[in-house]
PDB file of N, CA and C in Angstrom:
ATOM      1  N   MET A   1     122.177  69.119 150.348  1.00  0.00           N
ATOM      2  CA  MET A   1     121.462  68.095 149.596  1.00  0.00           C
ATOM      3  C   MET A   1     122.400  66.975 149.126  1.00  0.00           C
ATOM      4  N   GLU A   2     123.674  67.296 149.032  1.00  0.00           N
ATOM      5  CA  GLU A   2     124.627  66.296 148.544  1.00  0.00           C
ATOM      6  C   GLU A   2     124.659  65.048 149.425  1.00  0.00           C
ATOM      7  N   ASN A   3     124.318  65.214 150.697  1.00  0.00           N
ATOM      8  CA  ASN A   3     124.346  64.075 151.616  1.00  0.00           C
ATOM      9  C   ASN A   3     123.219  63.080 151.359  1.00  0.00           C
ATOM     10  N   TYR A   4     122.289  63.437 150.488  1.00  0.00           N
ATOM     11  CA  TYR A   4     121.198  62.522 150.147  1.00  0.00           C
ATOM     12  C   TYR A   4     121.445  61.816 148.817  1.00  0.00           C
ATOM     13  N   ILE A   5     122.635  61.962 148.281  1.00  0.00           N
ATOM     14  CA  ILE A   5     123.027  61.198 147.097  1.00  0.00           C
ATOM     15  C   ILE A   5     123.701  59.930 147.608  1.00  0.00           C
ATOM     16  N   HIS A   6     123.174  58.807 147.226  1.00  0.00           N
ATOM     17  CA  HIS A   6     123.689  57.525 147.719  1.00  0.00           C
ATOM     18  C   HIS A   6     125.139  57.351 147.290  1.00  0.00           C
ATOM     19  N   PRO A   7     126.017  56.929 148.205  1.00  0.00           N
ATOM     20  CA  PRO A   7     127.429  56.772 147.835  1.00  0.00           C
ATOM     21  C   PRO A   7     127.667  55.787 146.702  1.00  0.00           C
ATOM     22  N   ASP A   8     126.798  54.803 146.533  1.00  0.00           N
ATOM     23  CA  ASP A   8     126.969  53.849 145.434  1.00  0.00           C
ATOM     24  C   ASP A   8     126.825  54.522 144.072  1.00  0.00           C
ATOM     25  N   VAL A   9     126.007  55.576 144.000  1.00  0.00           N
ATOM     26  CA  VAL A   9     125.842  56.323 142.752  1.00  0.00           C
ATOM     27  C   VAL A   9     127.171  56.989 142.392  1.00  0.00           C
ATOM     28  N   ILE A  10     127.819  57.559 143.385  1.00  0.00           N
ATOM     29  CA  ILE A  10     129.098  58.234 143.146  1.00  0.00           C
ATOM     30  C   ILE A  10     130.187  57.204 142.859  1.00  0.00           C
ATOM     31  N   LYS A  11     130.215  56.138 143.634  1.00  0.00           N
ATOM     32  CA  LYS A  11     131.242  55.104 143.462  1.00  0.00           C
ATOM     33  C   LYS A  11     131.115  54.407 142.110  1.00  0.00           C
ATOM     34  N   GLY A  12     129.935  54.443 141.506  1.00  0.00           N
ATOM     35  CA  GLY A  12     129.752  53.857 140.181  1.00  0.00           C
ATOM     36  C   GLY A  12     130.635  54.522 139.141  1.00  0.00           C
ATOM     37  N   GLU A  13     130.892  55.815 139.336  1.00  0.00           N
ATOM     38  CA  GLU A  13     131.738  56.548 138.394  1.00  0.00           C
ATOM     39  C   GLU A  13     133.132  56.817 138.962  1.00  0.00           C
ATOM     40  N   TYR A  14     133.216  56.911 140.266  1.00  0.00           N
ATOM     41  CA  TYR A  14     134.495  57.178 140.946  1.00  0.00           C
ATOM     42  C   TYR A  14     134.696  56.155 142.056  1.00  0.00           C
ATOM     43  N   PRO A  15     135.208  54.988 141.716  1.00  0.00           N
ATOM     44  CA  PRO A  15     135.394  53.921 142.711  1.00  0.00           C
ATOM     45  C   PRO A  15     136.267  54.339 143.890  1.00  0.00           C
ATOM     46  N   GLY A  16     137.104  55.360 143.715  1.00  0.00           N
ATOM     47  CA  GLY A  16     137.951  55.829 144.804  1.00  0.00           C
ATOM     48  C   GLY A  16     137.251  56.735 145.796  1.00  0.00           C
ATOM     49  N   TYR A  17     135.978  57.021 145.556  1.00  0.00           N
ATOM     50  CA  TYR A  17     135.210  57.869 146.481  1.00  0.00           C
ATOM     51  C   TYR A  17     135.145  57.182 147.838  1.00  0.00           C
ATOM     52  N   SER A  18     135.512  57.896 148.900  1.00  0.00           N
ATOM     53  CA  SER A  18     135.613  57.273 150.216  1.00  0.00           C
ATOM     54  C   SER A  18     134.396  57.483 151.099  1.00  0.00           C
ATOM     55  N   GLY A  19     133.390  58.194 150.614  1.00  0.00           N
ATOM     56  CA  GLY A  19     132.193  58.424 151.419  1.00  0.00           C
ATOM     57  C   GLY A  19     131.425  57.138 151.660  1.00  0.00           C
ATOM     58  N   ALA A  20     130.768  57.097 152.824  1.00  0.00           N
ATOM     59  CA  ALA A  20     130.019  55.896 153.202  1.00  0.00           C
ATOM     60  C   ALA A  20     128.550  56.185 153.476  1.00  0.00           C
ATOM     61  N   GLY A  21     128.120  57.421 153.231  1.00  0.00           N
ATOM     62  CA  GLY A  21     126.721  57.756 153.464  1.00  0.00           C
ATOM     63  C   GLY A  21     126.414  58.125 154.898  1.00  0.00           C
ATOM     64  N   GLU A  22     127.444  58.515 155.651  1.00  0.00           N
ATOM     65  CA  GLU A  22     127.233  58.934 157.034  1.00  0.00           C
ATOM     66  C   GLU A  22     126.545  60.295 157.053  1.00  0.00           C
ATOM     67  N   GLU A  23     125.805  60.550 158.111  1.00  0.00           N
ATOM     68  CA  GLU A  23     124.945  61.731 158.180  1.00  0.00           C
ATOM     69  C   GLU A  23     125.685  63.064 157.989  1.00  0.00           C
ATOM     70  N   PHE A  24     126.833  63.222 158.575  1.00  0.00           N
ATOM     71  CA  PHE A  24     127.510  64.516 158.530  1.00  0.00           C
ATOM     72  C   PHE A  24     128.804  64.501 157.720  1.00  0.00           C
ATOM     73  N   GLU A  25     128.899  63.605 156.753  1.00  0.00           N
ATOM     74  CA  GLU A  25     130.067  63.586 155.874  1.00  0.00           C
ATOM     75  C   GLU A  25     130.122  64.860 155.037  1.00  0.00           C
ATOM     76  N   ASP A  26     131.317  65.258 154.690  1.00  0.00           N
ATOM     77  CA  ASP A  26     131.493  66.391 153.786  1.00  0.00           C
ATOM     78  C   ASP A  26     131.554  65.828 152.365  1.00  0.00           C
ATOM     79  N   VAL A  27     130.391  65.493 151.838  1.00  0.00           N
ATOM     80  CA  VAL A  27     130.293  64.821 150.539  1.00  0.00           C
ATOM     81  C   VAL A  27     130.970  65.616 149.421  1.00  0.00           C
ATOM     82  N   PRO A  28     130.747  66.938 149.309  1.00  0.00           N
ATOM     83  CA  PRO A  28     131.410  67.668 148.216  1.00  0.00           C
ATOM     84  C   PRO A  28     132.935  67.584 148.277  1.00  0.00           C
ATOM     85  N   THR A  29     133.495  67.670 149.465  1.00  0.00           N
ATOM     86  CA  THR A  29     134.955  67.601 149.586  1.00  0.00           C
ATOM     87  C   THR A  29     135.459  66.196 149.290  1.00  0.00           C
ATOM     88  N   LEU A  30     134.766  65.181 149.789  1.00  0.00           N
ATOM     89  CA  LEU A  30     135.164  63.804 149.507  1.00  0.00           C
ATOM     90  C   LEU A  30     135.068  63.503 148.010  1.00  0.00           C
ATOM     91  N   PHE A  31     134.026  64.035 147.372  1.00  0.00           N
ATOM     92  CA  PHE A  31     133.866  63.842 145.931  1.00  0.00           C
ATOM     93  C   PHE A  31     134.951  64.599 145.169  1.00  0.00           C
ATOM     94  N   ALA A  32     135.229  65.834 145.592  1.00  0.00           N
ATOM     95  CA  ALA A  32     136.296  66.608 144.947  1.00  0.00           C
ATOM     96  C   ALA A  32     137.623  65.865 145.044  1.00  0.00           C
ATOM     97  N   GLN A  33     137.874  65.251 146.173  1.00  0.00           N
ATOM     98  CA  GLN A  33     139.108  64.480 146.349  1.00  0.00           C
ATOM     99  C   GLN A  33     139.144  63.285 145.397  1.00  0.00           C
ATOM    100  N   ALA A  34     138.040  62.571 145.287  1.00  0.00           N
ATOM    101  CA  ALA A  34     137.988  61.406 144.394  1.00  0.00           C
ATOM    102  C   ALA A  34     138.214  61.821 142.944  1.00  0.00           C
ATOM    103  N   VAL A  35     137.591  62.923 142.526  1.00  0.00           N
ATOM    104  CA  VAL A  35     137.763  63.415 141.158  1.00  0.00           C
ATOM    105  C   VAL A  35     139.212  63.834 140.939  1.00  0.00           C
ATOM    106  N   HIS A  36     139.760  64.555 141.896  1.00  0.00           N
ATOM    107  CA  HIS A  36     141.147  65.012 141.768  1.00  0.00           C
ATOM    108  C   HIS A  36     142.105  63.829 141.667  1.00  0.00           C
ATOM    109  N   GLU A  37     141.935  62.862 142.543  1.00  0.00           N
ATOM    110  CA  GLU A  37     142.850  61.725 142.558  1.00  0.00           C
ATOM    111  C   GLU A  37     142.703  60.844 141.316  1.00  0.00           C
ATOM    112  N   ALA A  38     141.546  60.912 140.653  1.00  0.00           N
ATOM    113  CA  ALA A  38     141.341  60.150 139.426  1.00  0.00           C
ATOM    114  C   ALA A  38     141.863  60.907 138.199  1.00  0.00           C
ATOM    115  N   SER A  39     142.210  62.167 138.400  1.00  0.00           N
ATOM    116  CA  SER A  39     142.680  62.989 137.282  1.00  0.00           C
ATOM    117  C   SER A  39     144.184  62.832 137.092  1.00  0.00           C
ATOM    118  N   ASP A  40     144.674  63.488 136.059  1.00  0.00           N
ATOM    119  CA  ASP A  40     146.108  63.464 135.762  1.00  0.00           C
ATOM    120  C   ASP A  40     146.844  64.654 136.382  1.00  0.00           C
ATOM    121  N   SER A  41     146.251  65.262 137.389  1.00  0.00           N
ATOM    122  CA  SER A  41     146.861  66.435 138.006  1.00  0.00           C
ATOM    123  C   SER A  41     148.208  66.088 138.632  1.00  0.00           C
ATOM    124  N   GLY A  42     149.125  67.005 138.517  1.00  0.00           N
ATOM    125  CA  GLY A  42     150.434  66.810 139.122  1.00  0.00           C
ATOM    126  C   GLY A  42     150.455  67.173 140.599  1.00  0.00           C
ATOM    127  N   ASP A  43     149.386  67.828 141.069  1.00  0.00           N
ATOM    128  CA  ASP A  43     149.285  68.225 142.471  1.00  0.00           C
ATOM    129  C   ASP A  43     148.738  67.081 143.309  1.00  0.00           C
ATOM    130  N   THR A  44     149.283  66.923 144.502  1.00  0.00           N
ATOM    131  CA  THR A  44     148.719  65.947 145.435  1.00  0.00           C
ATOM    132  C   THR A  44     147.484  66.571 146.085  1.00  0.00           C
ATOM    133  N   TRP A  45     146.647  65.747 146.680  1.00  0.00           N
ATOM    134  CA  TRP A  45     145.471  66.268 147.381  1.00  0.00           C
ATOM    135  C   TRP A  45     145.917  67.138 148.559  1.00  0.00           C
ATOM    136  N   ALA A  46     146.999  66.776 149.219  1.00  0.00           N
ATOM    137  CA  ALA A  46     147.527  67.581 150.324  1.00  0.00           C
ATOM    138  C   ALA A  46     147.862  68.992 149.847  1.00  0.00           C
ATOM    139  N   GLU A  47     148.403  69.110 148.634  1.00  0.00           N
ATOM    140  CA  GLU A  47     148.704  70.427 148.074  1.00  0.00           C
ATOM    141  C   GLU A  47     147.418  71.204 147.796  1.00  0.00           C
ATOM    142  N   VAL A  48     146.406  70.518 147.320  1.00  0.00           N
ATOM    143  CA  VAL A  48     145.131  71.180 147.025  1.00  0.00           C
ATOM    144  C   VAL A  48     144.504  71.713 148.309  1.00  0.00           C
ATOM    145  N   ILE A  49     144.435  70.883 149.341  1.00  0.00           N
ATOM    146  CA  ILE A  49     143.750  71.338 150.558  1.00  0.00           C
ATOM    147  C   ILE A  49     144.546  72.399 151.320  1.00  0.00           C
ATOM    148  N   SER A  50     145.815  72.550 150.992  1.00  0.00           N
ATOM    149  CA  SER A  50     146.600  73.604 151.637  1.00  0.00           C
ATOM    150  C   SER A  50     146.397  74.960 150.961  1.00  0.00           C
ATOM    151  N   ASP A  51     145.705  74.980 149.835  1.00  0.00           N
ATOM    152  CA  ASP A  51     145.432  76.214 149.099  1.00  0.00           C
ATOM    153  C   ASP A  51     143.919  76.461 149.106  1.00  0.00           C
ATOM    154  N   PRO A  52     143.431  77.353 149.979  1.00  0.00           N
ATOM    155  CA  PRO A  52     141.982  77.576 150.098  1.00  0.00           C
ATOM    156  C   PRO A  52     141.295  77.931 148.782  1.00  0.00           C
ATOM    157  N   LYS A  53     141.984  78.652 147.910  1.00  0.00           N
ATOM    158  CA  LYS A  53     141.381  79.037 146.623  1.00  0.00           C
ATOM    159  C   LYS A  53     141.180  77.807 145.730  1.00  0.00           C
ATOM    160  N   LYS A  54     142.217  76.961 145.623  1.00  0.00           N
ATOM    161  CA  LYS A  54     142.102  75.735 144.823  1.00  0.00           C
ATOM    162  C   LYS A  54     141.034  74.816 145.393  1.00  0.00           C
ATOM    163  N   LEU A  55     141.067  74.652 146.710  1.00  0.00           N
ATOM    164  CA  LEU A  55     140.092  73.765 147.346  1.00  0.00           C
ATOM    165  C   LEU A  55     138.674  74.280 147.128  1.00  0.00           C
ATOM    166  N   GLY A  56     138.484  75.580 147.317  1.00  0.00           N
ATOM    167  CA  GLY A  56     137.145  76.170 147.124  1.00  0.00           C
ATOM    168  C   GLY A  56     136.618  75.948 145.721  1.00  0.00           C
ATOM    169  N   LYS A  57     137.489  76.100 144.735  1.00  0.00           N
ATOM    170  CA  LYS A  57     137.071  75.893 143.348  1.00  0.00           C
ATOM    171  C   LYS A  57     136.697  74.430 143.102  1.00  0.00           C
ATOM    172  N   LYS A  58     137.504  73.516 143.627  1.00  0.00           N
ATOM    173  CA  LYS A  58     137.213  72.089 143.435  1.00  0.00           C
ATOM    174  C   LYS A  58     135.924  71.680 144.139  1.00  0.00           C
ATOM    175  N   VAL A  59     135.699  72.201 145.343  1.00  0.00           N
ATOM    176  CA  VAL A  59     134.477  71.870 146.080  1.00  0.00           C
ATOM    177  C   VAL A  59     133.254  72.469 145.379  1.00  0.00           C
ATOM    178  N   SER A  60     133.383  73.683 144.870  1.00  0.00           N
ATOM    179  CA  SER A  60     132.284  74.310 144.134  1.00  0.00           C
ATOM    180  C   SER A  60     131.928  73.493 142.886  1.00  0.00           C
ATOM    181  N   ASN A  61     132.937  73.074 142.143  1.00  0.00           N
ATOM    182  CA  ASN A  61     132.694  72.237 140.964  1.00  0.00           C
ATOM    183  C   ASN A  61     132.064  70.906 141.367  1.00  0.00           C
ATOM    184  N   ALA A  62     132.512  70.354 142.487  1.00  0.00           N
ATOM    185  CA  ALA A  62     131.961  69.080 142.970  1.00  0.00           C
ATOM    186  C   ALA A  62     130.477  69.231 143.295  1.00  0.00           C
ATOM    187  N   LYS A  63     130.119  70.314 143.985  1.00  0.00           N
ATOM    188  CA  LYS A  63     128.705  70.540 144.335  1.00  0.00           C
ATOM    189  C   LYS A  63     127.852  70.640 143.073  1.00  0.00           C
ATOM    190  N   ARG A  64     128.357  71.375 142.098  1.00  0.00           N
ATOM    191  CA  ARG A  64     127.604  71.537 140.848  1.00  0.00           C
ATOM    192  C   ARG A  64     127.372  70.171 140.183  1.00  0.00           C
ATOM    193  N   ARG A  65     128.421  69.372 140.094  1.00  0.00           N
ATOM    194  CA  ARG A  65     128.286  68.053 139.459  1.00  0.00           C
ATOM    195  C   ARG A  65     127.355  67.149 140.256  1.00  0.00           C
ATOM    196  N   LEU A  66     127.517  67.144 141.562  1.00  0.00           N
ATOM    197  CA  LEU A  66     126.678  66.284 142.400  1.00  0.00           C
ATOM    198  C   LEU A  66     125.203  66.645 142.250  1.00  0.00           C
ATOM    199  N   ASN A  67     124.897  67.930 142.273  1.00  0.00           N
ATOM    200  CA  ASN A  67     123.503  68.376 142.247  1.00  0.00           C
ATOM    201  C   ASN A  67     122.887  68.411 140.862  1.00  0.00           C
ATOM    202  N   ASN A  68     123.676  68.221 139.836  1.00  0.00           N
ATOM    203  CA  ASN A  68     123.140  68.163 138.483  1.00  0.00           C
ATOM    204  C   ASN A  68     123.244  66.753 137.909  1.00  0.00           C
ATOM    205  N   GLU A  69     124.441  66.288 137.803  1.00  0.00           N
ATOM    206  CA  GLU A  69     124.716  65.009 137.144  1.00  0.00           C
ATOM    207  C   GLU A  69     124.359  63.788 138.006  1.00  0.00           C
ATOM    208  N   PHE A  70     124.784  63.798 139.248  1.00  0.00           N
ATOM    209  CA  PHE A  70     124.623  62.600 140.077  1.00  0.00           C
ATOM    210  C   PHE A  70     123.231  62.479 140.687  1.00  0.00           C
ATOM    211  N   VAL A  71     122.590  63.585 140.953  1.00  0.00           N
ATOM    212  CA  VAL A  71     121.241  63.519 141.519  1.00  0.00           C
ATOM    213  C   VAL A  71     120.278  62.859 140.526  1.00  0.00           C
ATOM    214  N   GLU A  72     120.557  63.007 139.241  1.00  0.00           N
ATOM    215  CA  GLU A  72     119.707  62.400 138.215  1.00  0.00           C
ATOM    216  C   GLU A  72     119.785  60.877 138.217  1.00  0.00           C
ATOM    217  N   LYS A  73     120.829  60.336 138.820  1.00  0.00           N
ATOM    218  CA  LYS A  73     121.011  58.883 138.867  1.00  0.00           C
ATOM    219  C   LYS A  73     120.353  58.251 140.095  1.00  0.00           C
ATOM    220  N   MET A  74     119.799  59.082 140.952  1.00  0.00           N
ATOM    221  CA  MET A  74     119.138  58.564 142.150  1.00  0.00           C
ATOM    222  C   MET A  74     117.795  57.936 141.783  1.00  0.00           C
ATOM    223  N   THR A  75     117.438  56.901 142.515  1.00  0.00           N
ATOM    224  CA  THR A  75     116.145  56.241 142.357  1.00  0.00           C
ATOM    225  C   THR A  75     115.391  56.356 143.678  1.00  0.00           C
ATOM    226  N   PRO A  76     114.075  56.151 143.674  1.00  0.00           N
ATOM    227  CA  PRO A  76     113.350  56.163 144.942  1.00  0.00           C
ATOM    228  C   PRO A  76     113.907  55.146 145.949  1.00  0.00           C
ATOM    229  N   ALA A  77     114.327  53.988 145.469  1.00  0.00           N
ATOM    230  CA  ALA A  77     114.877  52.971 146.371  1.00  0.00           C
ATOM    231  C   ALA A  77     116.186  53.446 147.004  1.00  0.00           C
ATOM    232  N   LEU A  78     117.059  54.074 146.209  1.00  0.00           N
ATOM    233  CA  LEU A  78     118.319  54.582 146.750  1.00  0.00           C
ATOM    234  C   LEU A  78     118.075  55.724 147.733  1.00  0.00           C
ATOM    235  N   LEU A  79     117.098  56.579 147.434  1.00  0.00           N
ATOM    236  CA  LEU A  79     116.764  57.672 148.345  1.00  0.00           C
ATOM    237  C   LEU A  79     116.254  57.118 149.670  1.00  0.00           C
ATOM    238  N   SER A  80     115.394  56.103 149.609  1.00  0.00           N
ATOM    239  CA  SER A  80     114.881  55.501 150.845  1.00  0.00           C
ATOM    240  C   SER A  80     116.000  54.884 151.668  1.00  0.00           C
ATOM    241  N   GLU A  81     116.984  54.344 150.983  1.00  0.00           N
ATOM    242  CA  GLU A  81     118.114  53.722 151.676  1.00  0.00           C
ATOM    243  C   GLU A  81     118.989  54.762 152.377  1.00  0.00           C
ATOM    244  N   ILE A  82     119.253  55.873 151.707  1.00  0.00           N
ATOM    245  CA  ILE A  82     120.140  56.894 152.265  1.00  0.00           C
ATOM    246  C   ILE A  82     119.386  57.827 153.212  1.00  0.00           C
ATOM    247  N   ASP A  83     118.093  57.964 153.045  1.00  0.00           N
ATOM    248  CA  ASP A  83     117.266  58.860 153.860  1.00  0.00           C
ATOM    249  C   ASP A  83     116.269  58.033 154.667  1.00  0.00           C
ATOM    250  N   ALA A  84     116.799  57.265 155.610  1.00  0.00           N
ATOM    251  CA  ALA A  84     115.974  56.329 156.384  1.00  0.00           C
ATOM    252  C   ALA A  84     114.871  57.029 157.184  1.00  0.00           C
ATOM    253  N   ASN A  85     115.078  58.303 157.533  1.00  0.00           N
ATOM    254  CA  ASN A  85     114.077  59.041 158.311  1.00  0.00           C
ATOM    255  C   ASN A  85     113.087  59.802 157.426  1.00  0.00           C
ATOM    256  N   ASP A  86     113.173  59.610 156.117  1.00  0.00           N
ATOM    257  CA  ASP A  86     112.273  60.257 155.149  1.00  0.00           C
ATOM    258  C   ASP A  86     112.261  61.786 155.243  1.00  0.00           C
ATOM    259  N   GLU A  87     113.413  62.369 155.546  1.00  0.00           N
ATOM    260  CA  GLU A  87     113.479  63.830 155.642  1.00  0.00           C
ATOM    261  C   GLU A  87     113.150  64.499 154.316  1.00  0.00           C
ATOM    262  N   VAL A  88     113.723  63.991 153.223  1.00  0.00           N
ATOM    263  CA  VAL A  88     113.500  64.620 151.917  1.00  0.00           C
ATOM    264  C   VAL A  88     112.023  64.521 151.529  1.00  0.00           C
ATOM    265  N   LYS A  89     111.437  63.359 151.734  1.00  0.00           N
ATOM    266  CA  LYS A  89     110.011  63.200 151.417  1.00  0.00           C
ATOM    267  C   LYS A  89     109.160  64.157 152.243  1.00  0.00           C
ATOM    268  N   THR A  90     109.512  64.329 153.510  1.00  0.00           N
ATOM    269  CA  THR A  90     108.774  65.248 154.381  1.00  0.00           C
ATOM    270  C   THR A  90     108.898  66.681 153.873  1.00  0.00           C
ATOM    271  N   TRP A  91     110.122  67.072 153.466  1.00  0.00           N
ATOM    272  CA  TRP A  91     110.317  68.416 152.919  1.00  0.00           C
ATOM    273  C   TRP A  91     109.487  68.620 151.664  1.00  0.00           C
ATOM    274  N   LEU A  92     109.513  67.622 150.776  1.00  0.00           N
ATOM    275  CA  LEU A  92     108.781  67.749 149.517  1.00  0.00           C
ATOM    276  C   LEU A  92     107.273  67.819 149.744  1.00  0.00           C
ATOM    277  N   LYS A  93     106.769  67.048 150.681  1.00  0.00           N
ATOM    278  CA  LYS A  93     105.336  67.117 151.014  1.00  0.00           C
ATOM    279  C   LYS A  93     104.975  68.491 151.558  1.00  0.00           C
ATOM    280  N   ALA A  94     105.812  69.027 152.446  1.00  0.00           N
ATOM    281  CA  ALA A  94     105.552  70.350 153.017  1.00  0.00           C
ATOM    282  C   ALA A  94     105.574  71.423 151.937  1.00  0.00           C
ATOM    283  N   ILE A  95     106.506  71.327 151.010  1.00  0.00           N
ATOM    284  CA  ILE A  95     106.572  72.282 149.908  1.00  0.00           C
ATOM    285  C   ILE A  95     105.322  72.174 149.043  1.00  0.00           C
ATOM    286  N   GLY A  96     104.923  70.936 148.734  1.00  0.00           N
ATOM    287  CA  GLY A  96     103.733  70.716 147.931  1.00  0.00           C
ATOM    288  C   GLY A  96     102.490  71.288 148.602  1.00  0.00           C
ATOM    289  N   GLU A  97     102.358  71.078 149.906  1.00  0.00           N
ATOM    290  CA  GLU A  97     101.210  71.616 150.646  1.00  0.00           C
ATOM    291  C   GLU A  97     101.229  73.132 150.660  1.00  0.00           C
ATOM    292  N   ALA A  98     102.418  73.724 150.845  1.00  0.00           N
ATOM    293  CA  ALA A  98     102.533  75.179 150.854  1.00  0.00           C
ATOM    294  C   ALA A  98     102.156  75.757 149.493  1.00  0.00           C
ATOM    295  N   LEU A  99     102.552  75.075 148.426  1.00  0.00           N
ATOM    296  CA  LEU A  99     102.195  75.547 147.088  1.00  0.00           C
ATOM    297  C   LEU A  99     100.701  75.450 146.844  1.00  0.00           C
ATOM    298  N   GLN A 100     100.093  74.378 147.319  1.00  0.00           N
ATOM    299  CA  GLN A 100      98.641  74.224 147.169  1.00  0.00           C
ATOM    300  C   GLN A 100      97.905  75.314 147.936  1.00  0.00           C
ATOM    301  N   ASP A 101      98.363  75.589 149.170  1.00  0.00           N
ATOM    302  CA  ASP A 101      97.726  76.616 149.990  1.00  0.00           C
ATOM    303  C   ASP A 101      97.863  77.991 149.363  1.00  0.00           C
ATOM    304  N   SER A 102      99.007  78.273 148.732  1.00  0.00           N
ATOM    305  CA  SER A 102      99.225  79.590 148.144  1.00  0.00           C
ATOM    306  C   SER A 102      98.439  79.779 146.843  1.00  0.00           C
ATOM    307  N   ASN A 103      98.062  78.656 146.228  1.00  0.00           N
ATOM    308  CA  ASN A 103      97.287  78.743 144.978  1.00  0.00           C
ATOM    309  C   ASN A 103      95.792  78.692 145.259  1.00  0.00           C
ATOM    310  N   GLY A 104      95.467  78.541 146.527  1.00  0.00           N
ATOM    311  CA  GLY A 104      94.106  78.597 146.993  1.00  0.00           C
ATOM    312  C   GLY A 104      93.203  77.631 146.398  1.00  0.00           C
TER     313      GLY A 104
END
């Protein structure tokens, strides 16, 4: 779901975020990198990615922030821009229909 967060939303808080909204970008890792590089950490990003445990923790924290904090900043216009094929809208309609059918 992180790939449906418009990069401008992230760049608003982390201008160093390098994501461009491409379909198969690793948004959580790119966001984790931007957060790390904006921090006062003494470790370089190269050091972080060489340690699977550190990287996993940073990516997990990034996913949590993206799906809680940043998703709230999305607007219908930004979603339409990042989801040109309306995949999310299609999923939501299908879920809504399934819920209606199950409630009879």
